[in-house]
Amino acid sequence: MRQVNMLEAKTALSELVAAALRGEEIVIARANKPAVRLVPVEPVAPVRRFGWATGKISVAEDFDAPLDAFSSYR
């Protein structure tokens, strides 16, 4: 655990952020008392909504019907 005071955190913020992203635990102190912990943000997984395209997609009745001899040349 690395503890830094508020003034050092102000002057070296980008370095402290990089250290936190590497996995180091950074604690910012005020008057030598721990005040906050600097941690990376966890990525949020997208929410999947089933059925969102219901009624928007249609398949032709002859979708899987055999093709005629000339349709493969188009």
PDB file of N, CA and C in Angstrom:
ATOM      1  N   MET A   1       0.855  -1.176   0.000  1.00  0.00           N
ATOM      2  CA  MET A   1       0.000   0.000   0.000  1.00  0.00           C
ATOM      3  C   MET A   1       0.896   1.232   0.000  1.00  0.00           C
ATOM      4  N   ARG A   2       0.553   2.138  -0.862  1.00  0.00           N
ATOM      5  CA  ARG A   2       1.313   3.380  -0.967  1.00  0.00           C
ATOM      6  C   ARG A   2       0.417   4.522  -0.492  1.00  0.00           C
ATOM      7  N   GLN A   3       0.897   5.279   0.491  1.00  0.00           N
ATOM      8  CA  GLN A   3       0.119   6.398   1.007  1.00  0.00           C
ATOM      9  C   GLN A   3       0.816   7.697   0.633  1.00  0.00           C
ATOM     10  N   VAL A   4       0.069   8.618   0.054  1.00  0.00           N
ATOM     11  CA  VAL A   4       0.598   9.922  -0.335  1.00  0.00           C
ATOM     12  C   VAL A   4      -0.284  11.006   0.272  1.00  0.00           C
ATOM     13  N   ASN A   5       0.323  12.155   0.513  1.00  0.00           N
ATOM     14  CA  ASN A   5      -0.486  13.258   1.043  1.00  0.00           C
ATOM     15  C   ASN A   5      -1.180  13.984  -0.103  1.00  0.00           C
ATOM     16  N   MET A   6      -2.072  14.874   0.244  1.00  0.00           N
ATOM     17  CA  MET A   6      -2.905  15.560  -0.740  1.00  0.00           C
ATOM     18  C   MET A   6      -2.050  16.380  -1.721  1.00  0.00           C
ATOM     19  N   LEU A   7      -1.038  17.083  -1.245  1.00  0.00           N
ATOM     20  CA  LEU A   7      -0.201  17.901  -2.119  1.00  0.00           C
ATOM     21  C   LEU A   7       0.536  17.034  -3.133  1.00  0.00           C
ATOM     22  N   GLU A   8       1.091  15.918  -2.667  1.00  0.00           N
ATOM     23  CA  GLU A   8       1.788  15.018  -3.594  1.00  0.00           C
ATOM     24  C   GLU A   8       0.812  14.429  -4.613  1.00  0.00           C
ATOM     25  N   ALA A   9      -0.410  14.130  -4.179  1.00  0.00           N
ATOM     26  CA  ALA A   9      -1.409  13.587  -5.094  1.00  0.00           C
ATOM     27  C   ALA A   9      -1.770  14.599  -6.167  1.00  0.00           C
ATOM     28  N   LYS A  10      -1.830  15.873  -5.799  1.00  0.00           N
ATOM     29  CA  LYS A  10      -2.142  16.919  -6.782  1.00  0.00           C
ATOM     30  C   LYS A  10      -1.050  17.029  -7.829  1.00  0.00           C
ATOM     31  N   THR A  11       0.190  16.947  -7.407  1.00  0.00           N
ATOM     32  CA  THR A  11       1.299  17.146  -8.337  1.00  0.00           C
ATOM     33  C   THR A  11       1.625  15.900  -9.162  1.00  0.00           C
ATOM     34  N   ALA A  12       1.273  14.724  -8.655  1.00  0.00           N
ATOM     35  CA  ALA A  12       1.636  13.481  -9.349  1.00  0.00           C
ATOM     36  C   ALA A  12       0.405  12.635  -9.665  1.00  0.00           C
ATOM     37  N   LEU A  13      -0.706  13.272  -9.983  1.00  0.00           N
ATOM     38  CA  LEU A  13      -1.952  12.535 -10.199  1.00  0.00           C
ATOM     39  C   LEU A  13      -1.844  11.520 -11.337  1.00  0.00           C
ATOM     40  N   SER A  14      -1.281  11.909 -12.470  1.00  0.00           N
ATOM     41  CA  SER A  14      -1.215  10.978 -13.603  1.00  0.00           C
ATOM     42  C   SER A  14      -0.354   9.762 -13.264  1.00  0.00           C
ATOM     43  N   GLU A  15       0.702   9.936 -12.519  1.00  0.00           N
ATOM     44  CA  GLU A  15       1.539   8.806 -12.116  1.00  0.00           C
ATOM     45  C   GLU A  15       0.794   7.908 -11.128  1.00  0.00           C
ATOM     46  N   LEU A  16       0.033   8.503 -10.223  1.00  0.00           N
ATOM     47  CA  LEU A  16      -0.742   7.718  -9.261  1.00  0.00           C
ATOM     48  C   LEU A  16      -1.846   6.925  -9.963  1.00  0.00           C
ATOM     49  N   VAL A  17      -2.477   7.519 -10.943  1.00  0.00           N
ATOM     50  CA  VAL A  17      -3.509   6.808 -11.715  1.00  0.00           C
ATOM     51  C   VAL A  17      -2.886   5.627 -12.453  1.00  0.00           C
ATOM     52  N   ALA A  18      -1.732   5.837 -13.057  1.00  0.00           N
ATOM     53  CA  ALA A  18      -1.054   4.748 -13.763  1.00  0.00           C
ATOM     54  C   ALA A  18      -0.695   3.626 -12.795  1.00  0.00           C
ATOM     55  N   ALA A  19      -0.248   3.973 -11.603  1.00  0.00           N
ATOM     56  CA  ALA A  19       0.093   2.956 -10.601  1.00  0.00           C
ATOM     57  C   ALA A  19      -1.150   2.189 -10.168  1.00  0.00           C
ATOM     58  N   ALA A  20      -2.261   2.872  -9.990  1.00  0.00           N
ATOM     59  CA  ALA A  20      -3.509   2.203  -9.611  1.00  0.00           C
ATOM     60  C   ALA A  20      -3.974   1.267 -10.720  1.00  0.00           C
ATOM     61  N   LEU A  21      -3.806   1.664 -11.969  1.00  0.00           N
ATOM     62  CA  LEU A  21      -4.188   0.802 -13.092  1.00  0.00           C
ATOM     63  C   LEU A  21      -3.310  -0.446 -13.172  1.00  0.00           C
ATOM     64  N   ARG A  22      -2.076  -0.338 -12.690  1.00  0.00           N
ATOM     65  CA  ARG A  22      -1.177  -1.501 -12.652  1.00  0.00           C
ATOM     66  C   ARG A  22      -1.525  -2.440 -11.507  1.00  0.00           C
ATOM     67  N   GLY A  23      -2.419  -2.012 -10.609  1.00  0.00           N
ATOM     68  CA  GLY A  23      -2.825  -2.876  -9.512  1.00  0.00           C
ATOM     69  C   GLY A  23      -2.321  -2.449  -8.151  1.00  0.00           C
ATOM     70  N   GLU A  24      -1.554  -1.386  -8.080  1.00  0.00           N
ATOM     71  CA  GLU A  24      -1.066  -0.913  -6.782  1.00  0.00           C
ATOM     72  C   GLU A  24      -2.207  -0.274  -6.003  1.00  0.00           C
ATOM     73  N   GLU A  25      -2.149  -0.404  -4.695  1.00  0.00           N
ATOM     74  CA  GLU A  25      -3.145   0.239  -3.846  1.00  0.00           C
ATOM     75  C   GLU A  25      -2.604   1.610  -3.449  1.00  0.00           C
ATOM     76  N   ILE A  26      -3.341   2.653  -3.807  1.00  0.00           N
ATOM     77  CA  ILE A  26      -2.932   4.030  -3.524  1.00  0.00           C
ATOM     78  C   ILE A  26      -3.934   4.634  -2.547  1.00  0.00           C
ATOM     79  N   VAL A  27      -3.427   5.150  -1.438  1.00  0.00           N
ATOM     80  CA  VAL A  27      -4.266   5.813  -0.445  1.00  0.00           C
ATOM     81  C   VAL A  27      -3.823   7.263  -0.364  1.00  0.00           C
ATOM     82  N   ILE A  28      -4.783   8.164  -0.480  1.00  0.00           N
ATOM     83  CA  ILE A  28      -4.497   9.593  -0.376  1.00  0.00           C
ATOM     84  C   ILE A  28      -4.905  10.034   1.026  1.00  0.00           C
ATOM     85  N   ALA A  29      -3.962  10.686   1.714  1.00  0.00           N
ATOM     86  CA  ALA A  29      -4.181  11.070   3.106  1.00  0.00           C
ATOM     87  C   ALA A  29      -4.304  12.577   3.235  1.00  0.00           C
ATOM     88  N   ARG A  30      -5.045  12.968   4.251  1.00  0.00           N
ATOM     89  CA  ARG A  30      -5.174  14.382   4.616  1.00  0.00           C
ATOM     90  C   ARG A  30      -4.738  14.478   6.071  1.00  0.00           C
ATOM     91  N   ALA A  31      -3.746  15.291   6.355  1.00  0.00           N
ATOM     92  CA  ALA A  31      -3.169  15.437   7.696  1.00  0.00           C
ATOM     93  C   ALA A  31      -2.697  14.081   8.226  1.00  0.00           C
ATOM     94  N   ASN A  32      -2.045  13.316   7.373  1.00  0.00           N
ATOM     95  CA  ASN A  32      -1.499  11.991   7.688  1.00  0.00           C
ATOM     96  C   ASN A  32      -2.546  10.974   8.123  1.00  0.00           C
ATOM     97  N   LYS A  33      -3.813  11.207   7.790  1.00  0.00           N
ATOM     98  CA  LYS A  33      -4.878  10.253   8.066  1.00  0.00           C
ATOM     99  C   LYS A  33      -5.469   9.822   6.724  1.00  0.00           C
ATOM    100  N   PRO A  34      -5.560   8.517   6.469  1.00  0.00           N
ATOM    101  CA  PRO A  34      -6.099   8.047   5.197  1.00  0.00           C
ATOM    102  C   PRO A  34      -7.490   8.627   4.942  1.00  0.00           C
ATOM    103  N   ALA A  35      -7.664   9.187   3.748  1.00  0.00           N
ATOM    104  CA  ALA A  35      -8.941   9.807   3.400  1.00  0.00           C
ATOM    105  C   ALA A  35      -9.657   9.039   2.284  1.00  0.00           C
ATOM    106  N   VAL A  36      -8.952   8.726   1.203  1.00  0.00           N
ATOM    107  CA  VAL A  36      -9.568   8.036   0.067  1.00  0.00           C
ATOM    108  C   VAL A  36      -8.611   7.003  -0.505  1.00  0.00           C
ATOM    109  N   ARG A  37      -9.196   6.043  -1.229  1.00  0.00           N
ATOM    110  CA  ARG A  37      -8.411   5.012  -1.913  1.00  0.00           C
ATOM    111  C   ARG A  37      -8.616   5.201  -3.411  1.00  0.00           C
ATOM    112  N   LEU A  38      -7.538   5.189  -4.156  1.00  0.00           N
ATOM    113  CA  LEU A  38      -7.580   5.348  -5.608  1.00  0.00           C
ATOM    114  C   LEU A  38      -7.595   3.955  -6.229  1.00  0.00           C
ATOM    115  N   VAL A  39      -8.689   3.617  -6.914  1.00  0.00           N
ATOM    116  CA  VAL A  39      -8.821   2.296  -7.529  1.00  0.00           C
ATOM    117  C   VAL A  39      -9.320   2.460  -8.956  1.00  0.00           C
ATOM    118  N   PRO A  40      -8.970   1.525  -9.856  1.00  0.00           N
ATOM    119  CA  PRO A  40      -9.482   1.606 -11.232  1.00  0.00           C
ATOM    120  C   PRO A  40     -10.962   1.252 -11.281  1.00  0.00           C
ATOM    121  N   VAL A  41     -11.647   1.775 -12.275  1.00  0.00           N
ATOM    122  CA  VAL A  41     -13.068   1.501 -12.482  1.00  0.00           C
ATOM    123  C   VAL A  41     -13.205   0.149 -13.178  1.00  0.00           C
ATOM    124  N   GLU A  42     -14.105  -0.678 -12.679  1.00  0.00           N
ATOM    125  CA  GLU A  42     -14.365  -1.974 -13.302  1.00  0.00           C
ATOM    126  C   GLU A  42     -15.196  -1.761 -14.558  1.00  0.00           C
ATOM    127  N   PRO A  43     -14.858  -2.438 -15.661  1.00  0.00           N
ATOM    128  CA  PRO A  43     -15.667  -2.290 -16.873  1.00  0.00           C
ATOM    129  C   PRO A  43     -17.067  -2.858 -16.662  1.00  0.00           C
ATOM    130  N   VAL A  44     -18.041  -2.191 -17.219  1.00  0.00           N
ATOM    131  CA  VAL A  44     -19.433  -2.608 -17.087  1.00  0.00           C
ATOM    132  C   VAL A  44     -19.814  -3.422 -18.317  1.00  0.00           C
ATOM    133  N   ALA A  45     -20.323  -4.628 -18.081  1.00  0.00           N
ATOM    134  CA  ALA A  45     -20.749  -5.487 -19.192  1.00  0.00           C
ATOM    135  C   ALA A  45     -22.064  -4.956 -19.760  1.00  0.00           C
ATOM    136  N   PRO A  46     -22.210  -4.952 -21.076  1.00  0.00           N
ATOM    137  CA  PRO A  46     -23.471  -4.480 -21.659  1.00  0.00           C
ATOM    138  C   PRO A  46     -24.616  -5.417 -21.293  1.00  0.00           C
ATOM    139  N   VAL A  47     -25.767  -4.855 -21.078  1.00  0.00           N
ATOM    140  CA  VAL A  47     -26.956  -5.637 -20.743  1.00  0.00           C
ATOM    141  C   VAL A  47     -27.598  -6.127 -22.034  1.00  0.00           C
ATOM    142  N   ARG A  48     -27.813  -7.423 -22.107  1.00  0.00           N
ATOM    143  CA  ARG A  48     -28.447  -7.995 -23.297  1.00  0.00           C
ATOM    144  C   ARG A  48     -29.946  -8.060 -23.075  1.00  0.00           C
ATOM    145  N   ARG A  49     -30.689  -7.529 -24.027  1.00  0.00           N
ATOM    146  CA  ARG A  49     -32.146  -7.575 -23.949  1.00  0.00           C
ATOM    147  C   ARG A  49     -32.649  -8.571 -24.983  1.00  0.00           C
ATOM    148  N   PHE A  50     -33.181  -9.671 -24.525  1.00  0.00           N
ATOM    149  CA  PHE A  50     -33.705 -10.674 -25.441  1.00  0.00           C
ATOM    150  C   PHE A  50     -35.035 -10.207 -25.999  1.00  0.00           C
ATOM    151  N   GLY A  51     -35.220 -10.434 -27.280  1.00  0.00           N
ATOM    152  CA  GLY A  51     -36.475 -10.086 -27.928  1.00  0.00           C
ATOM    153  C   GLY A  51     -36.553  -8.654 -28.406  1.00  0.00           C
ATOM    154  N   TRP A  52     -35.456  -7.917 -28.433  1.00  0.00           N
ATOM    155  CA  TRP A  52     -35.499  -6.512 -28.834  1.00  0.00           C
ATOM    156  C   TRP A  52     -35.843  -6.342 -30.309  1.00  0.00           C
ATOM    157  N   ALA A  53     -35.640  -7.378 -31.131  1.00  0.00           N
ATOM    158  CA  ALA A  53     -35.923  -7.265 -32.563  1.00  0.00           C
ATOM    159  C   ALA A  53     -37.214  -7.983 -32.954  1.00  0.00           C
ATOM    160  N   THR A  54     -38.019  -8.341 -31.979  1.00  0.00           N
ATOM    161  CA  THR A  54     -39.271  -9.036 -32.279  1.00  0.00           C
ATOM    162  C   THR A  54     -40.149  -8.173 -33.176  1.00  0.00           C
ATOM    163  N   GLY A  55     -40.571  -8.746 -34.293  1.00  0.00           N
ATOM    164  CA  GLY A  55     -41.430  -8.034 -35.226  1.00  0.00           C
ATOM    165  C   GLY A  55     -40.683  -7.148 -36.212  1.00  0.00           C
ATOM    166  N   LYS A  56     -39.384  -7.014 -36.089  1.00  0.00           N
ATOM    167  CA  LYS A  56     -38.607  -6.155 -36.989  1.00  0.00           C
ATOM    168  C   LYS A  56     -37.944  -6.937 -38.113  1.00  0.00           C
ATOM    169  N   ILE A  57     -37.871  -8.243 -37.967  1.00  0.00           N
ATOM    170  CA  ILE A  57     -37.199  -9.087 -38.952  1.00  0.00           C
ATOM    171  C   ILE A  57     -38.205 -10.097 -39.484  1.00  0.00           C
ATOM    172  N   SER A  58     -38.217 -10.260 -40.793  1.00  0.00           N
ATOM    173  CA  SER A  58     -39.091 -11.273 -41.368  1.00  0.00           C
ATOM    174  C   SER A  58     -38.296 -12.094 -42.378  1.00  0.00           C
ATOM    175  N   VAL A  59     -38.674 -13.357 -42.487  1.00  0.00           N
ATOM    176  CA  VAL A  59     -38.010 -14.277 -43.399  1.00  0.00           C
ATOM    177  C   VAL A  59     -39.040 -14.700 -44.444  1.00  0.00           C
ATOM    178  N   ALA A  60     -38.639 -14.649 -45.703  1.00  0.00           N
ATOM    179  CA  ALA A  60     -39.552 -15.024 -46.795  1.00  0.00           C
ATOM    180  C   ALA A  60     -39.923 -16.504 -46.680  1.00  0.00           C
ATOM    181  N   GLU A  61     -41.118 -16.835 -47.144  1.00  0.00           N
ATOM    182  CA  GLU A  61     -41.602 -18.220 -47.090  1.00  0.00           C
ATOM    183  C   GLU A  61     -40.693 -19.163 -47.875  1.00  0.00           C
ATOM    184  N   ASP A  62     -40.133 -18.682 -48.990  1.00  0.00           N
ATOM    185  CA  ASP A  62     -39.299 -19.546 -49.838  1.00  0.00           C
ATOM    186  C   ASP A  62     -37.806 -19.356 -49.536  1.00  0.00           C
ATOM    187  N   PHE A  63     -37.467 -18.987 -48.358  1.00  0.00           N
ATOM    188  CA  PHE A  63     -36.071 -18.727 -47.978  1.00  0.00           C
ATOM    189  C   PHE A  63     -35.160 -19.921 -48.256  1.00  0.00           C
ATOM    190  N   ASP A  64     -35.620 -21.102 -47.903  1.00  0.00           N
ATOM    191  CA  ASP A  64     -34.775 -22.284 -48.064  1.00  0.00           C
ATOM    192  C   ASP A  64     -35.135 -23.122 -49.292  1.00  0.00           C
ATOM    193  N   ALA A  65     -35.881 -22.534 -50.238  1.00  0.00           N
ATOM    194  CA  ALA A  65     -36.243 -23.249 -51.466  1.00  0.00           C
ATOM    195  C   ALA A  65     -35.011 -23.374 -52.361  1.00  0.00           C
ATOM    196  N   PRO A  66     -34.920 -24.424 -53.158  1.00  0.00           N
ATOM    197  CA  PRO A  66     -33.778 -24.587 -54.070  1.00  0.00           C
ATOM    198  C   PRO A  66     -33.720 -23.426 -55.066  1.00  0.00           C
ATOM    199  N   LEU A  67     -32.513 -23.053 -55.431  1.00  0.00           N
ATOM    200  CA  LEU A  67     -32.314 -21.966 -56.397  1.00  0.00           C
ATOM    201  C   LEU A  67     -32.364 -22.530 -57.813  1.00  0.00           C
ATOM    202  N   ASP A  68     -32.730 -21.690 -58.788  1.00  0.00           N
ATOM    203  CA  ASP A  68     -32.705 -22.143 -60.171  1.00  0.00           C
ATOM    204  C   ASP A  68     -31.262 -22.113 -60.683  1.00  0.00           C
ATOM    205  N   ALA A  69     -31.024 -22.650 -61.846  1.00  0.00           N
ATOM    206  CA  ALA A  69     -29.673 -22.832 -62.370  1.00  0.00           C
ATOM    207  C   ALA A  69     -28.933 -21.513 -62.603  1.00  0.00           C
ATOM    208  N   PHE A  70     -29.631 -20.414 -62.923  1.00  0.00           N
ATOM    209  CA  PHE A  70     -28.952 -19.168 -63.268  1.00  0.00           C
ATOM    210  C   PHE A  70     -28.779 -18.216 -62.097  1.00  0.00           C
ATOM    211  N   SER A  71     -29.409 -18.478 -60.981  1.00  0.00           N
ATOM    212  CA  SER A  71     -29.356 -17.540 -59.878  1.00  0.00           C
ATOM    213  C   SER A  71     -27.968 -17.492 -59.211  1.00  0.00           C
ATOM    214  N   SER A  72     -27.155 -18.527 -59.370  1.00  0.00           N
ATOM    215  CA  SER A  72     -25.839 -18.503 -58.751  1.00  0.00           C
ATOM    216  C   SER A  72     -24.838 -17.654 -59.542  1.00  0.00           C
ATOM    217  N   TYR A  73     -25.193 -17.219 -60.764  1.00  0.00           N
ATOM    218  CA  TYR A  73     -24.292 -16.412 -61.581  1.00  0.00           C
ATOM    219  C   TYR A  73     -24.502 -14.931 -61.411  1.00  0.00           C
ATOM    220  N   ARG A  74     -25.452 -14.502 -60.636  1.00  0.00           N
ATOM    221  CA  ARG A  74     -25.758 -13.085 -60.478  1.00  0.00           C
ATOM    222  C   ARG A  74     -24.845 -12.433 -59.505  1.00  0.00           C
TER     223      ARG A  74
END
